[in-house]
C-alpha cells in the first residue's frame, strides 16, 4: 500500500474555506490526507479520484466530496479544469446543532443523456 502524506492547508488557518481553480495537463496528486472536507468539481476533461482504495472517474458536471482525514489521490491524464474547495470541519460543526458532524460520503453525477 502507498504511504499517504499529510497535506497542511495553510489557507484554512484564517479563513476556514479555501477555493482554488486548476488547469492541469497530465497531473497527479499522490495519496494524502488532511483535516478539511474537500469538494472536487470537474469543469472540463476527466479526473480519476481514488478514495479509500475505490476509484471514481469524474467527467464535466460531476463532483465528489471527500470527508476529512480520508486518504485520497487524484490523476488527470489529459488537460482538465477543476474547482477544488476545502472547508474546515470545525467551521462546519460550529453551524450545526448536533455535537459532531456526521461522516460525509458524496459523489454527484449530472449527465445530460
PDB file of N, CA and C in Angstrom:
ATOM      1  N   UNK A   1       0.840  -1.177   0.000  1.00  0.00           N
ATOM      2  CA  UNK A   1       0.000   0.000   0.000  1.00  0.00           C
ATOM      3  C   UNK A   1       0.888   1.244   0.000  1.00  0.00           C
ATOM      4  N   UNK A   2       0.454   2.274  -0.718  1.00  0.00           N
ATOM      5  CA  UNK A   2       1.201   3.516  -0.799  1.00  0.00           C
ATOM      6  C   UNK A   2       1.172   4.250   0.538  1.00  0.00           C
ATOM      7  N   UNK A   3       2.253   4.932   0.814  1.00  0.00           N
ATOM      8  CA  UNK A   3       2.330   5.745   2.027  1.00  0.00           C
ATOM      9  C   UNK A   3       1.649   7.085   1.756  1.00  0.00           C
ATOM     10  N   UNK A   4       0.664   7.430   2.555  1.00  0.00           N
ATOM     11  CA  UNK A   4      -0.049   8.702   2.398  1.00  0.00           C
ATOM     12  C   UNK A   4       0.685   9.797   3.163  1.00  0.00           C
ATOM     13  N   UNK A   5       0.690  10.987   2.586  1.00  0.00           N
ATOM     14  CA  UNK A   5       1.337  12.121   3.234  1.00  0.00           C
ATOM     15  C   UNK A   5       0.275  13.069   3.796  1.00  0.00           C
ATOM     16  N   UNK A   6       0.653  13.797   4.822  1.00  0.00           N
ATOM     17  CA  UNK A   6      -0.239  14.791   5.410  1.00  0.00           C
ATOM     18  C   UNK A   6      -0.097  16.086   4.621  1.00  0.00           C
ATOM     19  N   UNK A   7      -1.219  16.653   4.176  1.00  0.00           N
ATOM     20  CA  UNK A   7      -1.207  17.919   3.449  1.00  0.00           C
ATOM     21  C   UNK A   7      -1.676  19.025   4.388  1.00  0.00           C
ATOM     22  N   UNK A   8      -0.776  19.937   4.721  1.00  0.00           N
ATOM     23  CA  UNK A   8      -1.162  21.065   5.575  1.00  0.00           C
ATOM     24  C   UNK A   8      -1.822  22.135   4.712  1.00  0.00           C
ATOM     25  N   UNK A   9      -3.008  22.535   5.074  1.00  0.00           N
ATOM     26  CA  UNK A   9      -3.770  23.511   4.304  1.00  0.00           C
ATOM     27  C   UNK A   9      -3.668  24.870   4.994  1.00  0.00           C
ATOM     28  N   UNK A  10      -2.650  25.615   4.651  1.00  0.00           N
ATOM     29  CA  UNK A  10      -2.381  26.897   5.290  1.00  0.00           C
ATOM     30  C   UNK A  10      -3.515  27.898   5.095  1.00  0.00           C
ATOM     31  N   UNK A  11      -4.203  27.835   3.948  1.00  0.00           N
ATOM     32  CA  UNK A  11      -5.299  28.769   3.650  1.00  0.00           C
ATOM     33  C   UNK A  11      -6.395  28.735   4.720  1.00  0.00           C
ATOM     34  N   UNK A  12      -6.616  27.575   5.313  1.00  0.00           N
ATOM     35  CA  UNK A  12      -7.740  27.398   6.230  1.00  0.00           C
ATOM     36  C   UNK A  12      -7.491  27.979   7.617  1.00  0.00           C
ATOM     37  N   UNK A  13      -6.260  28.274   7.945  1.00  0.00           N
ATOM     38  CA  UNK A  13      -5.954  28.740   9.297  1.00  0.00           C
ATOM     39  C   UNK A  13      -6.683  30.033   9.648  1.00  0.00           C
ATOM     40  N   UNK A  14      -6.916  30.897   8.694  1.00  0.00           N
ATOM     41  CA  UNK A  14      -7.592  32.166   8.962  1.00  0.00           C
ATOM     42  C   UNK A  14      -8.989  32.260   8.361  1.00  0.00           C
ATOM     43  N   UNK A  15      -9.235  31.549   7.282  1.00  0.00           N
ATOM     44  CA  UNK A  15     -10.496  31.726   6.557  1.00  0.00           C
ATOM     45  C   UNK A  15     -11.489  30.589   6.723  1.00  0.00           C
ATOM     46  N   UNK A  16     -11.031  29.402   7.063  1.00  0.00           N
ATOM     47  CA  UNK A  16     -11.852  28.195   7.203  1.00  0.00           C
ATOM     48  C   UNK A  16     -12.356  27.638   5.880  1.00  0.00           C
ATOM     49  N   UNK A  17     -12.215  28.383   4.796  1.00  0.00           N
ATOM     50  CA  UNK A  17     -12.621  27.923   3.459  1.00  0.00           C
ATOM     51  C   UNK A  17     -11.526  28.338   2.473  1.00  0.00           C
ATOM     52  N   UNK A  18     -11.151  27.415   1.585  1.00  0.00           N
ATOM     53  CA  UNK A  18     -10.179  27.732   0.536  1.00  0.00           C
ATOM     54  C   UNK A  18     -10.736  27.233  -0.792  1.00  0.00           C
ATOM     55  N   UNK A  19     -10.753  28.101  -1.793  1.00  0.00           N
ATOM     56  CA  UNK A  19     -11.255  27.746  -3.121  1.00  0.00           C
ATOM     57  C   UNK A  19     -10.122  27.966  -4.117  1.00  0.00           C
ATOM     58  N   UNK A  20      -9.829  26.922  -4.899  1.00  0.00           N
ATOM     59  CA  UNK A  20      -8.772  27.010  -5.901  1.00  0.00           C
ATOM     60  C   UNK A  20      -9.302  26.525  -7.246  1.00  0.00           C
ATOM     61  N   UNK A  21      -8.776  27.106  -8.295  1.00  0.00           N
ATOM     62  CA  UNK A  21      -9.096  26.708  -9.661  1.00  0.00           C
ATOM     63  C   UNK A  21      -7.796  26.205 -10.286  1.00  0.00           C
ATOM     64  N   UNK A  22      -7.865  25.024 -10.895  1.00  0.00           N
ATOM     65  CA  UNK A  22      -6.681  24.444 -11.508  1.00  0.00           C
ATOM     66  C   UNK A  22      -6.950  24.110 -12.966  1.00  0.00           C
ATOM     67  N   UNK A  23      -5.979  24.380 -13.807  1.00  0.00           N
ATOM     68  CA  UNK A  23      -5.954  23.867 -15.173  1.00  0.00           C
ATOM     69  C   UNK A  23      -4.746  22.954 -15.217  1.00  0.00           C
ATOM     70  N   UNK A  24      -4.983  21.677 -15.442  1.00  0.00           N
ATOM     71  CA  UNK A  24      -3.921  20.681 -15.385  1.00  0.00           C
ATOM     72  C   UNK A  24      -3.779  19.949 -16.709  1.00  0.00           C
ATOM     73  N   UNK A  25      -2.596  19.534 -16.987  1.00  0.00           N
ATOM     74  CA  UNK A  25      -2.340  18.660 -18.124  1.00  0.00           C
ATOM     75  C   UNK A  25      -1.482  17.504 -17.607  1.00  0.00           C
ATOM     76  N   UNK A  26      -2.126  16.373 -17.468  1.00  0.00           N
ATOM     77  CA  UNK A  26      -1.394  15.198 -17.010  1.00  0.00           C
ATOM     78  C   UNK A  26      -0.883  15.304 -15.587  1.00  0.00           C
ATOM     79  N   UNK A  27      -1.722  15.753 -14.670  1.00  0.00           N
ATOM     80  CA  UNK A  27      -1.270  15.934 -13.292  1.00  0.00           C
ATOM     81  C   UNK A  27      -1.565  14.708 -12.426  1.00  0.00           C
ATOM     82  N   UNK A  28      -0.809  14.592 -11.354  1.00  0.00           N
ATOM     83  CA  UNK A  28      -1.021  13.528 -10.376  1.00  0.00           C
ATOM     84  C   UNK A  28      -0.766  14.096  -8.987  1.00  0.00           C
ATOM     85  N   UNK A  29      -1.731  13.931  -8.095  1.00  0.00           N
ATOM     86  CA  UNK A  29      -1.570  14.322  -6.697  1.00  0.00           C
ATOM     87  C   UNK A  29      -1.521  13.036  -5.889  1.00  0.00           C
ATOM     88  N   UNK A  30      -0.372  12.698  -5.296  1.00  0.00           N
ATOM     89  CA  UNK A  30      -0.225  11.419  -4.599  1.00  0.00           C
ATOM     90  C   UNK A  30      -1.141  11.298  -3.381  1.00  0.00           C
ATOM     91  N   UNK A  31      -1.230  10.086  -2.886  1.00  0.00           N
ATOM     92  CA  UNK A  31      -2.085   9.788  -1.737  1.00  0.00           C
ATOM     93  C   UNK A  31      -1.751  10.723  -0.581  1.00  0.00           C
ATOM     94  N   UNK A  32      -2.794  11.381  -0.060  1.00  0.00           N
ATOM     95  CA  UNK A  32      -2.618  12.338   1.027  1.00  0.00           C
ATOM     96  C   UNK A  32      -3.907  12.422   1.843  1.00  0.00           C
ATOM     97  N   UNK A  33      -3.819  13.108   2.955  1.00  0.00           N
ATOM     98  CA  UNK A  33      -4.989  13.340   3.808  1.00  0.00           C
ATOM     99  C   UNK A  33      -4.818  14.681   4.498  1.00  0.00           C
ATOM    100  N   UNK A  34      -5.932  15.217   4.978  1.00  0.00           N
ATOM    101  CA  UNK A  34      -5.941  16.488   5.697  1.00  0.00           C
ATOM    102  C   UNK A  34      -7.214  16.563   6.524  1.00  0.00           C
ATOM    103  N   UNK A  35      -7.258  17.441   7.527  1.00  0.00           N
ATOM    104  CA  UNK A  35      -8.426  17.515   8.405  1.00  0.00           C
ATOM    105  C   UNK A  35      -9.617  18.272   7.803  1.00  0.00           C
ATOM    106  N   UNK A  36      -9.494  18.761   6.584  1.00  0.00           N
ATOM    107  CA  UNK A  36     -10.596  19.503   5.955  1.00  0.00           C
ATOM    108  C   UNK A  36     -11.455  18.584   5.092  1.00  0.00           C
ATOM    109  N   UNK A  37     -12.677  19.013   4.872  1.00  0.00           N
ATOM    110  CA  UNK A  37     -13.561  18.354   3.914  1.00  0.00           C
ATOM    111  C   UNK A  37     -13.234  18.957   2.552  1.00  0.00           C
ATOM    112  N   UNK A  38     -13.189  18.126   1.509  1.00  0.00           N
ATOM    113  CA  UNK A  38     -12.792  18.602   0.184  1.00  0.00           C
ATOM    114  C   UNK A  38     -13.868  18.291  -0.850  1.00  0.00           C
ATOM    115  N   UNK A  39     -14.154  19.272  -1.682  1.00  0.00           N
ATOM    116  CA  UNK A  39     -15.074  19.097  -2.804  1.00  0.00           C
ATOM    117  C   UNK A  39     -14.267  19.331  -4.078  1.00  0.00           C
ATOM    118  N   UNK A  40     -14.292  18.362  -4.996  1.00  0.00           N
ATOM    119  CA  UNK A  40     -13.601  18.478  -6.281  1.00  0.00           C
ATOM    120  C   UNK A  40     -14.670  18.463  -7.365  1.00  0.00           C
ATOM    121  N   UNK A  41     -14.762  19.559  -8.129  1.00  0.00           N
ATOM    122  CA  UNK A  41     -15.765  19.716  -9.182  1.00  0.00           C
ATOM    123  C   UNK A  41     -15.051  19.790 -10.535  1.00  0.00           C
ATOM    124  N   UNK A  42     -15.467  18.960 -11.481  1.00  0.00           N
ATOM    125  CA  UNK A  42     -14.823  18.875 -12.783  1.00  0.00           C
ATOM    126  C   UNK A  42     -15.537  19.795 -13.770  1.00  0.00           C
ATOM    127  N   UNK A  43     -14.796  20.763 -14.314  1.00  0.00           N
ATOM    128  CA  UNK A  43     -15.345  21.681 -15.307  1.00  0.00           C
ATOM    129  C   UNK A  43     -15.122  21.181 -16.728  1.00  0.00           C
ATOM    130  N   UNK A  44     -13.944  20.567 -16.959  1.00  0.00           N
ATOM    131  CA  UNK A  44     -13.571  20.146 -18.296  1.00  0.00           C
ATOM    132  C   UNK A  44     -12.593  18.976 -18.166  1.00  0.00           C
ATOM    133  N   UNK A  45     -12.626  18.051 -19.114  1.00  0.00           N
ATOM    134  CA  UNK A  45     -11.725  16.908 -19.063  1.00  0.00           C
ATOM    135  C   UNK A  45     -12.266  15.831 -18.136  1.00  0.00           C
ATOM    136  N   UNK A  46     -11.392  14.960 -17.683  1.00  0.00           N
ATOM    137  CA  UNK A  46     -11.777  13.899 -16.757  1.00  0.00           C
ATOM    138  C   UNK A  46     -10.754  13.825 -15.634  1.00  0.00           C
ATOM    139  N   UNK A  47     -11.184  13.238 -14.537  1.00  0.00           N
ATOM    140  CA  UNK A  47     -10.279  13.030 -13.405  1.00  0.00           C
ATOM    141  C   UNK A  47     -10.590  11.691 -12.768  1.00  0.00           C
ATOM    142  N   UNK A  48      -9.561  11.024 -12.338  1.00  0.00           N
ATOM    143  CA  UNK A  48      -9.716   9.794 -11.569  1.00  0.00           C
ATOM    144  C   UNK A  48      -9.345  10.120 -10.129  1.00  0.00           C
ATOM    145  N   UNK A  49     -10.299   9.925  -9.241  1.00  0.00           N
ATOM    146  CA  UNK A  49     -10.100  10.199  -7.825  1.00  0.00           C
ATOM    147  C   UNK A  49     -10.175   8.863  -7.092  1.00  0.00           C
ATOM    148  N   UNK A  50      -9.158   8.555  -6.332  1.00  0.00           N
ATOM    149  CA  UNK A  50      -9.114   7.327  -5.551  1.00  0.00           C
ATOM    150  C   UNK A  50      -9.334   7.695  -4.094  1.00  0.00           C
ATOM    151  N   UNK A  51     -10.414   7.185  -3.496  1.00  0.00           N
ATOM    152  CA  UNK A  51     -10.738   7.463  -2.095  1.00  0.00           C
ATOM    153  C   UNK A  51     -10.891   6.124  -1.385  1.00  0.00           C
ATOM    154  N   UNK A  52     -10.061   5.904  -0.390  1.00  0.00           N
ATOM    155  CA  UNK A  52     -10.144   4.651   0.357  1.00  0.00           C
ATOM    156  C   UNK A  52     -10.004   3.423  -0.524  1.00  0.00           C
ATOM    157  N   UNK A  53      -9.197   3.529  -1.577  1.00  0.00           N
ATOM    158  CA  UNK A  53      -8.967   2.397  -2.474  1.00  0.00           C
ATOM    159  C   UNK A  53     -10.015   2.215  -3.559  1.00  0.00           C
ATOM    160  N   UNK A  54     -11.041   3.056  -3.591  1.00  0.00           N
ATOM    161  CA  UNK A  54     -12.099   2.960  -4.601  1.00  0.00           C
ATOM    162  C   UNK A  54     -11.895   4.070  -5.634  1.00  0.00           C
ATOM    163  N   UNK A  55     -11.832   3.692  -6.918  1.00  0.00           N
ATOM    164  CA  UNK A  55     -11.599   4.666  -7.987  1.00  0.00           C
ATOM    165  C   UNK A  55     -12.923   5.220  -8.500  1.00  0.00           C
ATOM    166  N   UNK A  56     -12.966   6.556  -8.641  1.00  0.00           N
ATOM    167  CA  UNK A  56     -14.120   7.256  -9.189  1.00  0.00           C
ATOM    168  C   UNK A  56     -13.638   8.075 -10.382  1.00  0.00           C
ATOM    169  N   UNK A  57     -14.217   7.830 -11.553  1.00  0.00           N
ATOM    170  CA  UNK A  57     -13.872   8.602 -12.740  1.00  0.00           C
ATOM    171  C   UNK A  57     -14.941   9.670 -12.921  1.00  0.00           C
ATOM    172  N   UNK A  58     -14.516  10.926 -12.896  1.00  0.00           N
ATOM    173  CA  UNK A  58     -15.451  12.041 -12.983  1.00  0.00           C
ATOM    174  C   UNK A  58     -15.273  12.777 -14.306  1.00  0.00           C
ATOM    175  N   UNK A  59     -16.391  13.236 -14.863  1.00  0.00           N
ATOM    176  CA  UNK A  59     -16.412  13.996 -16.106  1.00  0.00           C
ATOM    177  C   UNK A  59     -17.045  15.357 -15.820  1.00  0.00           C
ATOM    178  N   UNK A  60     -17.025  16.289 -16.791  1.00  0.00           N
ATOM    179  CA  UNK A  60     -17.581  17.620 -16.539  1.00  0.00           C
ATOM    180  C   UNK A  60     -19.000  17.582 -15.968  1.00  0.00           C
ATOM    181  N   UNK A  61     -19.242  18.421 -14.962  1.00  0.00           N
ATOM    182  CA  UNK A  61     -20.540  18.497 -14.307  1.00  0.00           C
ATOM    183  C   UNK A  61     -20.662  17.573 -13.109  1.00  0.00           C
ATOM    184  N   UNK A  62     -19.642  16.779 -12.824  1.00  0.00           N
ATOM    185  CA  UNK A  62     -19.681  15.871 -11.684  1.00  0.00           C
ATOM    186  C   UNK A  62     -18.733  16.372 -10.600  1.00  0.00           C
ATOM    187  N   UNK A  63     -19.060  16.001  -9.361  1.00  0.00           N
ATOM    188  CA  UNK A  63     -18.159  16.343  -8.260  1.00  0.00           C
ATOM    189  C   UNK A  63     -18.147  15.241  -7.232  1.00  0.00           C
ATOM    190  N   UNK A  64     -17.155  15.291  -6.380  1.00  0.00           N
ATOM    191  CA  UNK A  64     -17.027  14.345  -5.283  1.00  0.00           C
ATOM    192  C   UNK A  64     -16.723  15.147  -4.019  1.00  0.00           C
ATOM    193  N   UNK A  65     -17.279  14.716  -2.898  1.00  0.00           N
ATOM    194  CA  UNK A  65     -16.980  15.318  -1.603  1.00  0.00           C
ATOM    195  C   UNK A  65     -16.233  14.265  -0.791  1.00  0.00           C
ATOM    196  N   UNK A  66     -15.066  14.646  -0.323  1.00  0.00           N
ATOM    197  CA  UNK A  66     -14.212  13.728   0.425  1.00  0.00           C
ATOM    198  C   UNK A  66     -14.178  14.180   1.875  1.00  0.00           C
ATOM    199  N   UNK A  67     -14.535  13.286   2.766  1.00  0.00           N
ATOM    200  CA  UNK A  67     -14.584  13.619   4.190  1.00  0.00           C
ATOM    201  C   UNK A  67     -13.187  13.897   4.732  1.00  0.00           C
ATOM    202  N   UNK A  68     -13.137  14.582   5.841  1.00  0.00           N
ATOM    203  CA  UNK A  68     -11.858  14.882   6.475  1.00  0.00           C
ATOM    204  C   UNK A  68     -11.144  13.587   6.858  1.00  0.00           C
ATOM    205  N   UNK A  69      -9.818  13.648   6.816  1.00  0.00           N
ATOM    206  CA  UNK A  69      -8.936  12.554   7.214  1.00  0.00           C
ATOM    207  C   UNK A  69      -9.044  11.300   6.347  1.00  0.00           C
ATOM    208  N   UNK A  70      -9.689  11.387   5.190  1.00  0.00           N
ATOM    209  CA  UNK A  70      -9.764  10.271   4.251  1.00  0.00           C
ATOM    210  C   UNK A  70      -8.550  10.316   3.324  1.00  0.00           C
ATOM    211  N   UNK A  71      -7.882   9.194   3.165  1.00  0.00           N
ATOM    212  CA  UNK A  71      -6.755   9.123   2.243  1.00  0.00           C
ATOM    213  C   UNK A  71      -7.299   9.131   0.823  1.00  0.00           C
ATOM    214  N   UNK A  72      -6.769  10.038   0.003  1.00  0.00           N
ATOM    215  CA  UNK A  72      -7.233  10.136  -1.380  1.00  0.00           C
ATOM    216  C   UNK A  72      -6.103  10.609  -2.282  1.00  0.00           C
ATOM    217  N   UNK A  73      -6.248  10.338  -3.567  1.00  0.00           N
ATOM    218  CA  UNK A  73      -5.294  10.794  -4.572  1.00  0.00           C
ATOM    219  C   UNK A  73      -6.058  11.062  -5.858  1.00  0.00           C
ATOM    220  N   UNK A  74      -5.460  11.845  -6.748  1.00  0.00           N
ATOM    221  CA  UNK A  74      -6.151  12.166  -7.996  1.00  0.00           C
ATOM    222  C   UNK A  74      -5.173  12.210  -9.156  1.00  0.00           C
ATOM    223  N   UNK A  75      -5.747  11.933 -10.345  1.00  0.00           N
ATOM    224  CA  UNK A  75      -4.950  11.931 -11.553  1.00  0.00           C
ATOM    225  C   UNK A  75      -5.801  12.422 -12.709  1.00  0.00           C
ATOM    226  N   UNK A  76      -5.222  13.295 -13.532  1.00  0.00           N
ATOM    227  CA  UNK A  76      -5.865  13.777 -14.751  1.00  0.00           C
ATOM    228  C   UNK A  76      -4.917  13.450 -15.895  1.00  0.00           C
ATOM    229  N   UNK A  77      -5.285  12.488 -16.741  1.00  0.00           N
ATOM    230  CA  UNK A  77      -4.400  12.058 -17.820  1.00  0.00           C
ATOM    231  C   UNK A  77      -4.292  13.109 -18.922  1.00  0.00           C
ATOM    232  N   UNK A  78      -5.375  13.802 -19.192  1.00  0.00           N
ATOM    233  CA  UNK A  78      -5.395  14.822 -20.242  1.00  0.00           C
ATOM    234  C   UNK A  78      -5.605  16.190 -19.603  1.00  0.00           C
ATOM    235  N   UNK A  79      -5.725  17.193 -20.431  1.00  0.00           N
ATOM    236  CA  UNK A  79      -5.994  18.539 -19.914  1.00  0.00           C
ATOM    237  C   UNK A  79      -7.338  18.547 -19.196  1.00  0.00           C
ATOM    238  N   UNK A  80      -7.385  19.212 -18.063  1.00  0.00           N
ATOM    239  CA  UNK A  80      -8.632  19.294 -17.308  1.00  0.00           C
ATOM    240  C   UNK A  80      -8.686  20.615 -16.548  1.00  0.00           C
ATOM    241  N   UNK A  81      -9.905  21.034 -16.245  1.00  0.00           N
ATOM    242  CA  UNK A  81     -10.124  22.225 -15.422  1.00  0.00           C
ATOM    243  C   UNK A  81     -10.956  21.787 -14.224  1.00  0.00           C
ATOM    244  N   UNK A  82     -10.498  22.170 -13.033  1.00  0.00           N
ATOM    245  CA  UNK A  82     -11.086  21.680 -11.789  1.00  0.00           C
ATOM    246  C   UNK A  82     -11.235  22.824 -10.791  1.00  0.00           C
ATOM    247  N   UNK A  83     -12.359  22.835 -10.068  1.00  0.00           N
ATOM    248  CA  UNK A  83     -12.513  23.712  -8.912  1.00  0.00           C
ATOM    249  C   UNK A  83     -12.374  22.827  -7.680  1.00  0.00           C
ATOM    250  N   UNK A  84     -11.504  23.232  -6.774  1.00  0.00           N
ATOM    251  CA  UNK A  84     -11.205  22.459  -5.578  1.00  0.00           C
ATOM    252  C   UNK A  84     -11.521  23.325  -4.362  1.00  0.00           C
ATOM    253  N   UNK A  85     -12.397  22.831  -3.486  1.00  0.00           N
ATOM    254  CA  UNK A  85     -12.820  23.590  -2.313  1.00  0.00           C
ATOM    255  C   UNK A  85     -12.489  22.786  -1.059  1.00  0.00           C
ATOM    256  N   UNK A  86     -11.799  23.415  -0.120  1.00  0.00           N
ATOM    257  CA  UNK A  86     -11.529  22.820   1.191  1.00  0.00           C
ATOM    258  C   UNK A  86     -12.292  23.624   2.237  1.00  0.00           C
ATOM    259  N   UNK A  87     -12.958  22.917   3.149  1.00  0.00           N
ATOM    260  CA  UNK A  87     -13.702  23.564   4.228  1.00  0.00           C
ATOM    261  C   UNK A  87     -13.307  22.907   5.547  1.00  0.00           C
ATOM    262  N   UNK A  88     -13.011  23.729   6.535  1.00  0.00           N
ATOM    263  CA  UNK A  88     -12.660  23.233   7.858  1.00  0.00           C
ATOM    264  C   UNK A  88     -13.854  22.509   8.482  1.00  0.00           C
ATOM    265  N   UNK A  89     -13.616  21.289   8.960  1.00  0.00           N
ATOM    266  CA  UNK A  89     -14.682  20.517   9.622  1.00  0.00           C
ATOM    267  C   UNK A  89     -15.155  21.255  10.877  1.00  0.00           C
ATOM    268  N   UNK A  90     -14.242  21.828  11.635  1.00  0.00           N
ATOM    269  CA  UNK A  90     -14.614  22.583  12.840  1.00  0.00           C
ATOM    270  C   UNK A  90     -15.532  23.753  12.494  1.00  0.00           C
ATOM    271  N   UNK A  91     -15.244  24.429  11.398  1.00  0.00           N
ATOM    272  CA  UNK A  91     -16.066  25.546  10.934  1.00  0.00           C
ATOM    273  C   UNK A  91     -17.489  25.080  10.631  1.00  0.00           C
ATOM    274  N   UNK A  92     -17.636  23.967   9.907  1.00  0.00           N
ATOM    275  CA  UNK A  92     -18.969  23.441   9.603  1.00  0.00           C
ATOM    276  C   UNK A  92     -19.704  23.011  10.871  1.00  0.00           C
ATOM    277  N   UNK A  93     -18.978  22.375  11.783  1.00  0.00           N
ATOM    278  CA  UNK A  93     -19.603  21.907  13.023  1.00  0.00           C
ATOM    279  C   UNK A  93     -20.108  23.064  13.874  1.00  0.00           C
ATOM    280  N   UNK A  94     -19.531  24.240  13.724  1.00  0.00           N
ATOM    281  CA  UNK A  94     -19.984  25.393  14.503  1.00  0.00           C
ATOM    282  C   UNK A  94     -21.370  25.882  14.052  1.00  0.00           C
ATOM    283  N   UNK A  95     -21.850  25.393  12.892  1.00  0.00           N
ATOM    284  CA  UNK A  95     -23.144  25.817  12.370  1.00  0.00           C
ATOM    285  C   UNK A  95     -24.243  24.768  12.519  1.00  0.00           C
ATOM    286  N   UNK A  96     -23.948  23.649  13.150  1.00  0.00           N
ATOM    287  CA  UNK A  96     -24.976  22.629  13.331  1.00  0.00           C
ATOM    288  C   UNK A  96     -25.251  22.426  14.813  1.00  0.00           C
ATOM    289  N   UNK A  97     -26.432  21.929  15.097  1.00  0.00           N
ATOM    290  CA  UNK A  97     -26.823  21.714  16.492  1.00  0.00           C
ATOM    291  C   UNK A  97     -26.311  20.388  17.037  1.00  0.00           C
ATOM    292  N   UNK A  98     -26.046  19.430  16.157  1.00  0.00           N
ATOM    293  CA  UNK A  98     -25.550  18.130  16.593  1.00  0.00           C
ATOM    294  C   UNK A  98     -24.152  18.308  17.178  1.00  0.00           C
ATOM    295  N   UNK A  99     -23.770  17.474  18.148  1.00  0.00           N
ATOM    296  CA  UNK A  99     -22.445  17.624  18.757  1.00  0.00           C
ATOM    297  C   UNK A  99     -21.297  17.334  17.782  1.00  0.00           C
ATOM    298  N   UNK A 100     -21.536  16.467  16.795  1.00  0.00           N
ATOM    299  CA  UNK A 100     -20.488  16.113  15.835  1.00  0.00           C
ATOM    300  C   UNK A 100     -21.104  16.010  14.444  1.00  0.00           C
ATOM    301  N   UNK A 101     -20.424  16.584  13.463  1.00  0.00           N
ATOM    302  CA  UNK A 101     -20.861  16.478  12.080  1.00  0.00           C
ATOM    303  C   UNK A 101     -20.735  15.026  11.643  1.00  0.00           C
ATOM    304  N   UNK A 102     -21.803  14.434  11.073  1.00  0.00           N
ATOM    305  CA  UNK A 102     -21.712  13.032  10.650  1.00  0.00           C
ATOM    306  C   UNK A 102     -20.722  12.857   9.498  1.00  0.00           C
ATOM    307  N   UNK A 103     -20.326  11.617   9.250  1.00  0.00           N
ATOM    308  CA  UNK A 103     -19.418  11.322   8.146  1.00  0.00           C
ATOM    309  C   UNK A 103     -20.025  11.722   6.812  1.00  0.00           C
ATOM    310  N   UNK A 104     -19.185  12.057   5.867  1.00  0.00           N
ATOM    311  CA  UNK A 104     -19.629  12.518   4.559  1.00  0.00           C
ATOM    312  C   UNK A 104     -19.139  11.552   3.491  1.00  0.00           C
ATOM    313  N   UNK A 105     -20.046  11.142   2.621  1.00  0.00           N
ATOM    314  CA  UNK A 105     -19.705  10.274   1.503  1.00  0.00           C
ATOM    315  C   UNK A 105     -20.597  10.684   0.353  1.00  0.00           C
ATOM    316  N   UNK A 106     -20.073  11.440  -0.607  1.00  0.00           N
ATOM    317  CA  UNK A 106     -20.925  12.005  -1.651  1.00  0.00           C
ATOM    318  C   UNK A 106     -20.226  12.035  -3.002  1.00  0.00           C
ATOM    319  N   UNK A 107     -20.887  11.480  -4.001  1.00  0.00           N
ATOM    320  CA  UNK A 107     -20.464  11.614  -5.379  1.00  0.00           C
ATOM    321  C   UNK A 107     -21.697  12.024  -6.156  1.00  0.00           C
ATOM    322  N   UNK A 108     -21.632  13.160  -6.834  1.00  0.00           N
ATOM    323  CA  UNK A 108     -22.784  13.662  -7.575  1.00  0.00           C
ATOM    324  C   UNK A 108     -22.493  13.586  -9.049  1.00  0.00           C
ATOM    325  N   UNK A 109     -23.386  12.956  -9.772  1.00  0.00           N
ATOM    326  CA  UNK A 109     -23.247  12.835 -11.208  1.00  0.00           C
ATOM    327  C   UNK A 109     -24.418  13.546 -11.874  1.00  0.00           C
ATOM    328  N   UNK A 110     -24.086  14.426 -12.782  1.00  0.00           N
ATOM    329  CA  UNK A 110     -25.097  15.192 -13.510  1.00  0.00           C
ATOM    330  C   UNK A 110     -24.854  14.978 -14.984  1.00  0.00           C
ATOM    331  N   UNK A 111     -25.632  14.150 -15.602  1.00  0.00           N
ATOM    332  CA  UNK A 111     -25.447  13.822 -17.016  1.00  0.00           C
ATOM    333  C   UNK A 111     -26.655  14.308 -17.809  1.00  0.00           C
ATOM    334  N   UNK A 112     -26.409  14.693 -19.041  1.00  0.00           N
ATOM    335  CA  UNK A 112     -27.497  15.198 -19.884  1.00  0.00           C
ATOM    336  C   UNK A 112     -28.056  14.133 -20.814  1.00  0.00           C
ATOM    337  N   UNK A 113     -27.624  12.863 -20.703  1.00  0.00           N
ATOM    338  CA  UNK A 113     -28.151  11.825 -21.595  1.00  0.00           C
ATOM    339  C   UNK A 113     -29.375  11.191 -21.100  1.00  0.00           C
TER     340      UNK A 113
END
